[in-house]
């Protein structure tokens, strides 16, 4: 099981939101410096362009490029990737996995980008069992299970995000495995070593952790030692 430290970007700074609400922003500093501090423990991080998620087009790829160039870390990035050009630009700067949320349900688009780019990852962002889209501002009628069945023929790498847990430090969502052999990464509320072990037991192949690291609830060293 892999652990992906998260860096959420807004206006070029590293921030965290509470349940994805931009009015609840907390700033943590320079994302490049934060990324540099992670290099001795991990080789890949999770980055979210929040401006892109809310605006519909990535806004912080210059920061992502700087992180890659100055740290050598591998990066998976999401937030506003709703057109072909944005995905191509991310790949051109060295992003390993582009994460698609809202646009993943345009199956013609998804088929095209998965044929043209390696590592495309779909984020299944869940609120009350239903998919949320457009920066989590709108809820679709599609359930998580339906979304998975619809999209699995195109991708084999998913992120499951528990929106109501995101940024809350209240622990992980109670979830049962519904996927097969695909790579599934969990995000939302991870705040302890116990959470990580529960996710591993459920069958997740990875976990994204953000606020708990920034707030000192748990350290990467503690997590990696247990894993």
C-alpha atoms as a PDB file:
ATOM      1  CA  UNK A   1       0.000   0.000   0.000  1.00  0.00           C
ATOM      2  CA  UNK A   2       1.268   3.455  -0.949  1.00  0.00           C
ATOM      3  CA  UNK A   3       0.788   6.723   0.886  1.00  0.00           C
ATOM      4  CA  UNK A   4       0.474   9.942  -1.104  1.00  0.00           C
ATOM      5  CA  UNK A   5       1.017  13.203   0.820  1.00  0.00           C
ATOM      6  CA  UNK A   6      -1.339  15.845  -0.563  1.00  0.00           C
ATOM      7  CA  UNK A   7      -0.633  19.416  -1.573  1.00  0.00           C
ATOM      8  CA  UNK A   8      -3.723  21.450  -2.461  1.00  0.00           C
ATOM      9  CA  UNK A   9      -3.039  24.612  -4.436  1.00  0.00           C
ATOM     10  CA  UNK A  10      -4.908  27.895  -4.400  1.00  0.00           C
ATOM     11  CA  UNK A  11      -3.438  31.109  -5.810  1.00  0.00           C
ATOM     12  CA  UNK A  12      -0.007  29.451  -5.839  1.00  0.00           C
ATOM     13  CA  UNK A  13      -0.067  28.571  -2.128  1.00  0.00           C
ATOM     14  CA  UNK A  14      -0.492  25.271  -0.295  1.00  0.00           C
ATOM     15  CA  UNK A  15      -3.876  25.235   1.432  1.00  0.00           C
ATOM     16  CA  UNK A  16      -6.484  22.903   2.878  1.00  0.00           C
ATOM     17  CA  UNK A  17     -10.238  23.234   2.725  1.00  0.00           C
ATOM     18  CA  UNK A  18     -12.939  21.812   4.990  1.00  0.00           C
ATOM     19  CA  UNK A  19     -15.254  19.464   3.066  1.00  0.00           C
ATOM     20  CA  UNK A  20     -14.110  21.108  -0.163  1.00  0.00           C
ATOM     21  CA  UNK A  21     -15.570  24.525   0.691  1.00  0.00           C
ATOM     22  CA  UNK A  22     -13.367  27.363  -0.528  1.00  0.00           C
ATOM     23  CA  UNK A  23     -14.649  29.773   2.119  1.00  0.00           C
ATOM     24  CA  UNK A  24     -13.005  27.524   4.746  1.00  0.00           C
ATOM     25  CA  UNK A  25      -9.460  27.843   3.402  1.00  0.00           C
ATOM     26  CA  UNK A  26      -6.393  27.540   5.613  1.00  0.00           C
ATOM     27  CA  UNK A  27      -3.005  28.478   4.144  1.00  0.00           C
ATOM     28  CA  UNK A  28       0.068  26.369   4.962  1.00  0.00           C
ATOM     29  CA  UNK A  29       2.763  28.073   2.909  1.00  0.00           C
ATOM     30  CA  UNK A  30       5.007  27.529  -0.104  1.00  0.00           C
ATOM     31  CA  UNK A  31       4.060  24.302  -1.910  1.00  0.00           C
ATOM     32  CA  UNK A  32       7.532  23.851  -3.401  1.00  0.00           C
ATOM     33  CA  UNK A  33       9.185  24.010   0.008  1.00  0.00           C
ATOM     34  CA  UNK A  34       6.610  21.613   1.442  1.00  0.00           C
ATOM     35  CA  UNK A  35       7.284  19.210  -1.439  1.00  0.00           C
ATOM     36  CA  UNK A  36      11.031  19.423  -0.849  1.00  0.00           C
ATOM     37  CA  UNK A  37      10.457  18.303   2.728  1.00  0.00           C
ATOM     38  CA  UNK A  38       8.701  15.167   1.501  1.00  0.00           C
ATOM     39  CA  UNK A  39      11.444  13.924  -0.813  1.00  0.00           C
ATOM     40  CA  UNK A  40      13.339  11.947   1.830  1.00  0.00           C
ATOM     41  CA  UNK A  41      10.293   9.776   2.573  1.00  0.00           C
ATOM     42  CA  UNK A  42       8.230   9.406  -0.608  1.00  0.00           C
ATOM     43  CA  UNK A  43       8.783   9.538  -4.348  1.00  0.00           C
ATOM     44  CA  UNK A  44       5.259  10.563  -5.384  1.00  0.00           C
ATOM     45  CA  UNK A  45       2.724  13.122  -4.182  1.00  0.00           C
ATOM     46  CA  UNK A  46      -0.898  14.048  -4.790  1.00  0.00           C
ATOM     47  CA  UNK A  47      -1.596  17.597  -5.976  1.00  0.00           C
ATOM     48  CA  UNK A  48      -4.978  19.279  -6.392  1.00  0.00           C
ATOM     49  CA  UNK A  49      -5.395  22.535  -8.282  1.00  0.00           C
ATOM     50  CA  UNK A  50      -8.358  23.957  -6.355  1.00  0.00           C
ATOM     51  CA  UNK A  51      -8.581  27.046  -8.569  1.00  0.00           C
ATOM     52  CA  UNK A  52      -8.864  24.656 -11.496  1.00  0.00           C
ATOM     53  CA  UNK A  53     -11.489  22.517  -9.785  1.00  0.00           C
ATOM     54  CA  UNK A  54     -13.703  25.520  -9.106  1.00  0.00           C
ATOM     55  CA  UNK A  55     -12.971  27.309 -12.385  1.00  0.00           C
ATOM     56  CA  UNK A  56     -13.015  24.383 -14.802  1.00  0.00           C
ATOM     57  CA  UNK A  57      -9.442  24.723 -16.083  1.00  0.00           C
ATOM     58  CA  UNK A  58      -6.071  24.210 -14.322  1.00  0.00           C
ATOM     59  CA  UNK A  59      -4.588  27.450 -12.980  1.00  0.00           C
ATOM     60  CA  UNK A  60      -1.504  26.285 -11.081  1.00  0.00           C
ATOM     61  CA  UNK A  61       0.417  24.101 -13.531  1.00  0.00           C
ATOM     62  CA  UNK A  62       3.361  26.510 -13.270  1.00  0.00           C
ATOM     63  CA  UNK A  63       3.611  25.580  -9.580  1.00  0.00           C
ATOM     64  CA  UNK A  64       3.281  21.888 -10.393  1.00  0.00           C
ATOM     65  CA  UNK A  65       6.076  22.212 -12.954  1.00  0.00           C
ATOM     66  CA  UNK A  66       8.290  23.898 -10.385  1.00  0.00           C
ATOM     67  CA  UNK A  67       7.619  21.128  -7.864  1.00  0.00           C
ATOM     68  CA  UNK A  68       8.612  18.474 -10.413  1.00  0.00           C
ATOM     69  CA  UNK A  69      11.719  20.327 -11.556  1.00  0.00           C
ATOM     70  CA  UNK A  70      12.996  21.297  -8.108  1.00  0.00           C
ATOM     71  CA  UNK A  71      12.206  18.099  -6.193  1.00  0.00           C
ATOM     72  CA  UNK A  72      12.260  15.244  -8.708  1.00  0.00           C
ATOM     73  CA  UNK A  73       9.047  13.918  -7.171  1.00  0.00           C
ATOM     74  CA  UNK A  74       6.509  12.083  -9.284  1.00  0.00           C
ATOM     75  CA  UNK A  75       3.155  13.852  -9.295  1.00  0.00           C
ATOM     76  CA  UNK A  76      -0.474  12.910  -9.771  1.00  0.00           C
ATOM     77  CA  UNK A  77      -2.612  16.022 -10.234  1.00  0.00           C
ATOM     78  CA  UNK A  78      -6.295  16.824 -10.470  1.00  0.00           C
ATOM     79  CA  UNK A  79      -8.461  19.907 -10.582  1.00  0.00           C
ATOM     80  CA  UNK A  80     -10.176  21.266 -13.693  1.00  0.00           C
ATOM     81  CA  UNK A  81      -8.934  18.804 -16.306  1.00  0.00           C
ATOM     82  CA  UNK A  82     -11.948  19.031 -18.588  1.00  0.00           C
ATOM     83  CA  UNK A  83     -10.311  19.419 -22.003  1.00  0.00           C
ATOM     84  CA  UNK A  84      -7.679  17.628 -24.060  1.00  0.00           C
ATOM     85  CA  UNK A  85      -5.258  20.566 -24.104  1.00  0.00           C
ATOM     86  CA  UNK A  86      -5.034  20.767 -20.305  1.00  0.00           C
ATOM     87  CA  UNK A  87      -4.172  17.083 -20.046  1.00  0.00           C
ATOM     88  CA  UNK A  88      -1.561  17.428 -22.794  1.00  0.00           C
ATOM     89  CA  UNK A  89      -0.006  20.403 -21.008  1.00  0.00           C
ATOM     90  CA  UNK A  90       0.195  18.493 -17.725  1.00  0.00           C
ATOM     91  CA  UNK A  91       1.931  15.582 -19.448  1.00  0.00           C
ATOM     92  CA  UNK A  92       4.335  17.965 -21.168  1.00  0.00           C
ATOM     93  CA  UNK A  93       5.615  19.242 -17.798  1.00  0.00           C
ATOM     94  CA  UNK A  94       6.151  15.742 -16.454  1.00  0.00           C
ATOM     95  CA  UNK A  95       2.941  14.886 -14.578  1.00  0.00           C
ATOM     96  CA  UNK A  96       2.676  11.104 -14.226  1.00  0.00           C
ATOM     97  CA  UNK A  97      -1.072  10.822 -13.592  1.00  0.00           C
ATOM     98  CA  UNK A  98      -3.722  13.319 -14.618  1.00  0.00           C
ATOM     99  CA  UNK A  99      -6.844  12.914 -12.491  1.00  0.00           C
ATOM    100  CA  UNK A 100     -10.215  13.473 -14.149  1.00  0.00           C
ATOM    101  CA  UNK A 101     -13.445  13.943 -12.221  1.00  0.00           C
ATOM    102  CA  UNK A 102     -16.314  15.812 -13.848  1.00  0.00           C
ATOM    103  CA  UNK A 103     -15.242  15.145 -17.443  1.00  0.00           C
ATOM    104  CA  UNK A 104     -14.804  11.397 -16.887  1.00  0.00           C
ATOM    105  CA  UNK A 105     -18.517  10.954 -17.519  1.00  0.00           C
ATOM    106  CA  UNK A 106     -18.103  12.183 -21.086  1.00  0.00           C
ATOM    107  CA  UNK A 107     -17.256   8.680 -22.271  1.00  0.00           C
ATOM    108  CA  UNK A 108     -16.173   9.738 -25.756  1.00  0.00           C
ATOM    109  CA  UNK A 109     -13.700  12.179 -24.210  1.00  0.00           C
ATOM    110  CA  UNK A 110     -12.503   9.593 -21.691  1.00  0.00           C
ATOM    111  CA  UNK A 111     -11.909   7.019 -24.418  1.00  0.00           C
ATOM    112  CA  UNK A 112      -9.835   9.522 -26.403  1.00  0.00           C
ATOM    113  CA  UNK A 113      -7.588  10.659 -23.560  1.00  0.00           C
ATOM    114  CA  UNK A 114      -7.011   7.149 -22.221  1.00  0.00           C
ATOM    115  CA  UNK A 115      -5.863   6.100 -25.682  1.00  0.00           C
ATOM    116  CA  UNK A 116      -3.533   9.081 -26.034  1.00  0.00           C
ATOM    117  CA  UNK A 117      -2.103   9.409 -22.507  1.00  0.00           C
ATOM    118  CA  UNK A 118      -0.734   6.941 -19.978  1.00  0.00           C
ATOM    119  CA  UNK A 119      -1.776   7.000 -16.351  1.00  0.00           C
ATOM    120  CA  UNK A 120      -5.189   8.645 -16.620  1.00  0.00           C
ATOM    121  CA  UNK A 121      -6.887   8.340 -13.231  1.00  0.00           C
ATOM    122  CA  UNK A 122     -10.577   8.860 -12.464  1.00  0.00           C
ATOM    123  CA  UNK A 123     -11.647  10.444  -9.206  1.00  0.00           C
ATOM    124  CA  UNK A 124     -14.948   9.151  -7.848  1.00  0.00           C
ATOM    125  CA  UNK A 125     -15.948  11.980  -5.517  1.00  0.00           C
ATOM    126  CA  UNK A 126     -18.742  10.818  -3.250  1.00  0.00           C
ATOM    127  CA  UNK A 127     -21.308  12.594  -1.115  1.00  0.00           C
ATOM    128  CA  UNK A 128     -24.080  10.435   0.383  1.00  0.00           C
ATOM    129  CA  UNK A 129     -23.240   7.677  -2.058  1.00  0.00           C
ATOM    130  CA  UNK A 130     -23.670   9.879  -5.132  1.00  0.00           C
ATOM    131  CA  UNK A 131     -21.075  11.389  -7.458  1.00  0.00           C
ATOM    132  CA  UNK A 132     -20.372  15.115  -6.988  1.00  0.00           C
ATOM    133  CA  UNK A 133     -19.017  17.151  -9.904  1.00  0.00           C
ATOM    134  CA  UNK A 134     -17.800  20.639 -10.861  1.00  0.00           C
ATOM    135  CA  UNK A 135     -15.563  21.203  -7.870  1.00  0.00           C
ATOM    136  CA  UNK A 136     -17.984  19.180  -5.698  1.00  0.00           C
ATOM    137  CA  UNK A 137     -20.549  21.970  -6.052  1.00  0.00           C
ATOM    138  CA  UNK A 138     -23.121  19.837  -7.912  1.00  0.00           C
ATOM    139  CA  UNK A 139     -24.430  16.380  -7.135  1.00  0.00           C
ATOM    140  CA  UNK A 140     -25.220  13.982  -9.963  1.00  0.00           C
ATOM    141  CA  UNK A 141     -27.829  11.192  -9.772  1.00  0.00           C
ATOM    142  CA  UNK A 142     -25.125   8.599 -10.465  1.00  0.00           C
ATOM    143  CA  UNK A 143     -24.166   6.339  -7.566  1.00  0.00           C
ATOM    144  CA  UNK A 144     -20.573   5.363  -6.864  1.00  0.00           C
ATOM    145  CA  UNK A 145     -21.247   1.774  -7.900  1.00  0.00           C
ATOM    146  CA  UNK A 146     -22.846   2.831 -11.166  1.00  0.00           C
ATOM    147  CA  UNK A 147     -19.958   5.181 -11.915  1.00  0.00           C
ATOM    148  CA  UNK A 148     -17.389   2.468 -11.306  1.00  0.00           C
ATOM    149  CA  UNK A 149     -19.177  -0.008 -13.588  1.00  0.00           C
ATOM    150  CA  UNK A 150     -19.493   2.657 -16.275  1.00  0.00           C
ATOM    151  CA  UNK A 151     -15.850   3.732 -16.231  1.00  0.00           C
ATOM    152  CA  UNK A 152     -13.849   0.584 -15.481  1.00  0.00           C
ATOM    153  CA  UNK A 153     -13.650  -0.406 -19.161  1.00  0.00           C
ATOM    154  CA  UNK A 154     -11.617   2.753 -19.806  1.00  0.00           C
ATOM    155  CA  UNK A 155      -9.359   3.071 -16.742  1.00  0.00           C
ATOM    156  CA  UNK A 156      -7.839   0.816 -14.114  1.00  0.00           C
ATOM    157  CA  UNK A 157      -6.783   3.514 -11.659  1.00  0.00           C
ATOM    158  CA  UNK A 158      -9.279   5.301  -9.412  1.00  0.00           C
ATOM    159  CA  UNK A 159      -9.350   7.646  -6.453  1.00  0.00           C
ATOM    160  CA  UNK A 160     -12.309   7.366  -4.090  1.00  0.00           C
ATOM    161  CA  UNK A 161     -12.887  10.652  -2.260  1.00  0.00           C
ATOM    162  CA  UNK A 162     -15.208  10.857   0.746  1.00  0.00           C
ATOM    163  CA  UNK A 163     -16.183  14.526   0.448  1.00  0.00           C
ATOM    164  CA  UNK A 164     -17.871  14.826   3.841  1.00  0.00           C
ATOM    165  CA  UNK A 165     -14.658  13.580   5.468  1.00  0.00           C
ATOM    166  CA  UNK A 166     -12.235  15.730   3.480  1.00  0.00           C
ATOM    167  CA  UNK A 167     -10.234  18.084   5.669  1.00  0.00           C
ATOM    168  CA  UNK A 168     -12.159  17.143   8.812  1.00  0.00           C
ATOM    169  CA  UNK A 169      -9.566  14.983  10.635  1.00  0.00           C
ATOM    170  CA  UNK A 170     -12.450  12.790  11.801  1.00  0.00           C
ATOM    171  CA  UNK A 171     -11.234   9.486  10.409  1.00  0.00           C
ATOM    172  CA  UNK A 172     -12.128   7.537   7.306  1.00  0.00           C
ATOM    173  CA  UNK A 173     -15.543   6.739   5.904  1.00  0.00           C
ATOM    174  CA  UNK A 174     -17.047   3.345   6.635  1.00  0.00           C
ATOM    175  CA  UNK A 175     -16.832   1.726   3.213  1.00  0.00           C
ATOM    176  CA  UNK A 176     -16.934  -1.782   1.818  1.00  0.00           C
ATOM    177  CA  UNK A 177     -14.923  -2.832  -1.186  1.00  0.00           C
ATOM    178  CA  UNK A 178     -16.950  -2.600  -4.402  1.00  0.00           C
ATOM    179  CA  UNK A 179     -14.164  -2.793  -6.987  1.00  0.00           C
ATOM    180  CA  UNK A 180     -12.242  -5.674  -8.503  1.00  0.00           C
ATOM    181  CA  UNK A 181      -8.512  -5.626  -9.278  1.00  0.00           C
ATOM    182  CA  UNK A 182      -8.168  -1.981 -10.237  1.00  0.00           C
ATOM    183  CA  UNK A 183      -5.840   0.335  -8.376  1.00  0.00           C
ATOM    184  CA  UNK A 184      -8.028   2.172  -5.843  1.00  0.00           C
ATOM    185  CA  UNK A 185      -6.735   5.040  -3.710  1.00  0.00           C
ATOM    186  CA  UNK A 186      -8.685   6.496  -0.787  1.00  0.00           C
ATOM    187  CA  UNK A 187      -8.941  10.185   0.172  1.00  0.00           C
ATOM    188  CA  UNK A 188     -10.906  11.938   2.899  1.00  0.00           C
ATOM    189  CA  UNK A 189     -10.435  12.211   6.652  1.00  0.00           C
ATOM    190  CA  UNK A 190      -7.294  10.079   7.013  1.00  0.00           C
ATOM    191  CA  UNK A 191      -5.853  11.162  10.356  1.00  0.00           C
ATOM    192  CA  UNK A 192      -4.077   8.236  12.021  1.00  0.00           C
ATOM    193  CA  UNK A 193      -2.038   5.093  11.542  1.00  0.00           C
ATOM    194  CA  UNK A 194      -5.193   3.157  12.439  1.00  0.00           C
ATOM    195  CA  UNK A 195      -7.003   4.722   9.488  1.00  0.00           C
ATOM    196  CA  UNK A 196      -4.247   3.612   7.147  1.00  0.00           C
ATOM    197  CA  UNK A 197      -4.364   0.053   8.467  1.00  0.00           C
ATOM    198  CA  UNK A 198      -8.168  -0.054   8.079  1.00  0.00           C
ATOM    199  CA  UNK A 199      -7.862   1.084   4.461  1.00  0.00           C
ATOM    200  CA  UNK A 200      -5.266  -1.567   3.786  1.00  0.00           C
ATOM    201  CA  UNK A 201      -7.555  -4.207   5.298  1.00  0.00           C
ATOM    202  CA  UNK A 202     -10.487  -3.058   3.138  1.00  0.00           C
ATOM    203  CA  UNK A 203      -8.279  -3.477   0.074  1.00  0.00           C
ATOM    204  CA  UNK A 204      -7.271   0.012  -0.956  1.00  0.00           C
ATOM    205  CA  UNK A 205      -3.959   0.122  -2.799  1.00  0.00           C
ATOM    206  CA  UNK A 206      -3.157   3.630  -1.602  1.00  0.00           C
ATOM    207  CA  UNK A 207      -4.206   6.471   0.677  1.00  0.00           C
ATOM    208  CA  UNK A 208      -3.999  10.237   0.317  1.00  0.00           C
ATOM    209  CA  UNK A 209      -3.238  12.186   3.472  1.00  0.00           C
ATOM    210  CA  UNK A 210      -3.060  15.950   3.810  1.00  0.00           C
ATOM    211  CA  UNK A 211      -4.337  17.947   6.755  1.00  0.00           C
ATOM    212  CA  UNK A 212      -3.311  15.355   9.355  1.00  0.00           C
ATOM    213  CA  UNK A 213       0.315  15.840   8.292  1.00  0.00           C
ATOM    214  CA  UNK A 214       0.090  19.637   8.301  1.00  0.00           C
ATOM    215  CA  UNK A 215      -1.577  19.687  11.717  1.00  0.00           C
ATOM    216  CA  UNK A 216       0.861  17.186  13.232  1.00  0.00           C
ATOM    217  CA  UNK A 217      -1.769  14.523  13.981  1.00  0.00           C
ATOM    218  CA  UNK A 218       0.462  11.853  12.475  1.00  0.00           C
ATOM    219  CA  UNK A 219       3.819  11.758  10.718  1.00  0.00           C
ATOM    220  CA  UNK A 220       4.840  10.068   7.511  1.00  0.00           C
ATOM    221  CA  UNK A 221       7.545   8.286   9.456  1.00  0.00           C
ATOM    222  CA  UNK A 222       4.932   6.677  11.728  1.00  0.00           C
ATOM    223  CA  UNK A 223       2.813   5.576   8.794  1.00  0.00           C
ATOM    224  CA  UNK A 224       5.664   4.190   6.728  1.00  0.00           C
ATOM    225  CA  UNK A 225       7.101   2.336   9.706  1.00  0.00           C
ATOM    226  CA  UNK A 226       3.807   0.486  10.215  1.00  0.00           C
ATOM    227  CA  UNK A 227       3.386  -0.251   6.509  1.00  0.00           C
END
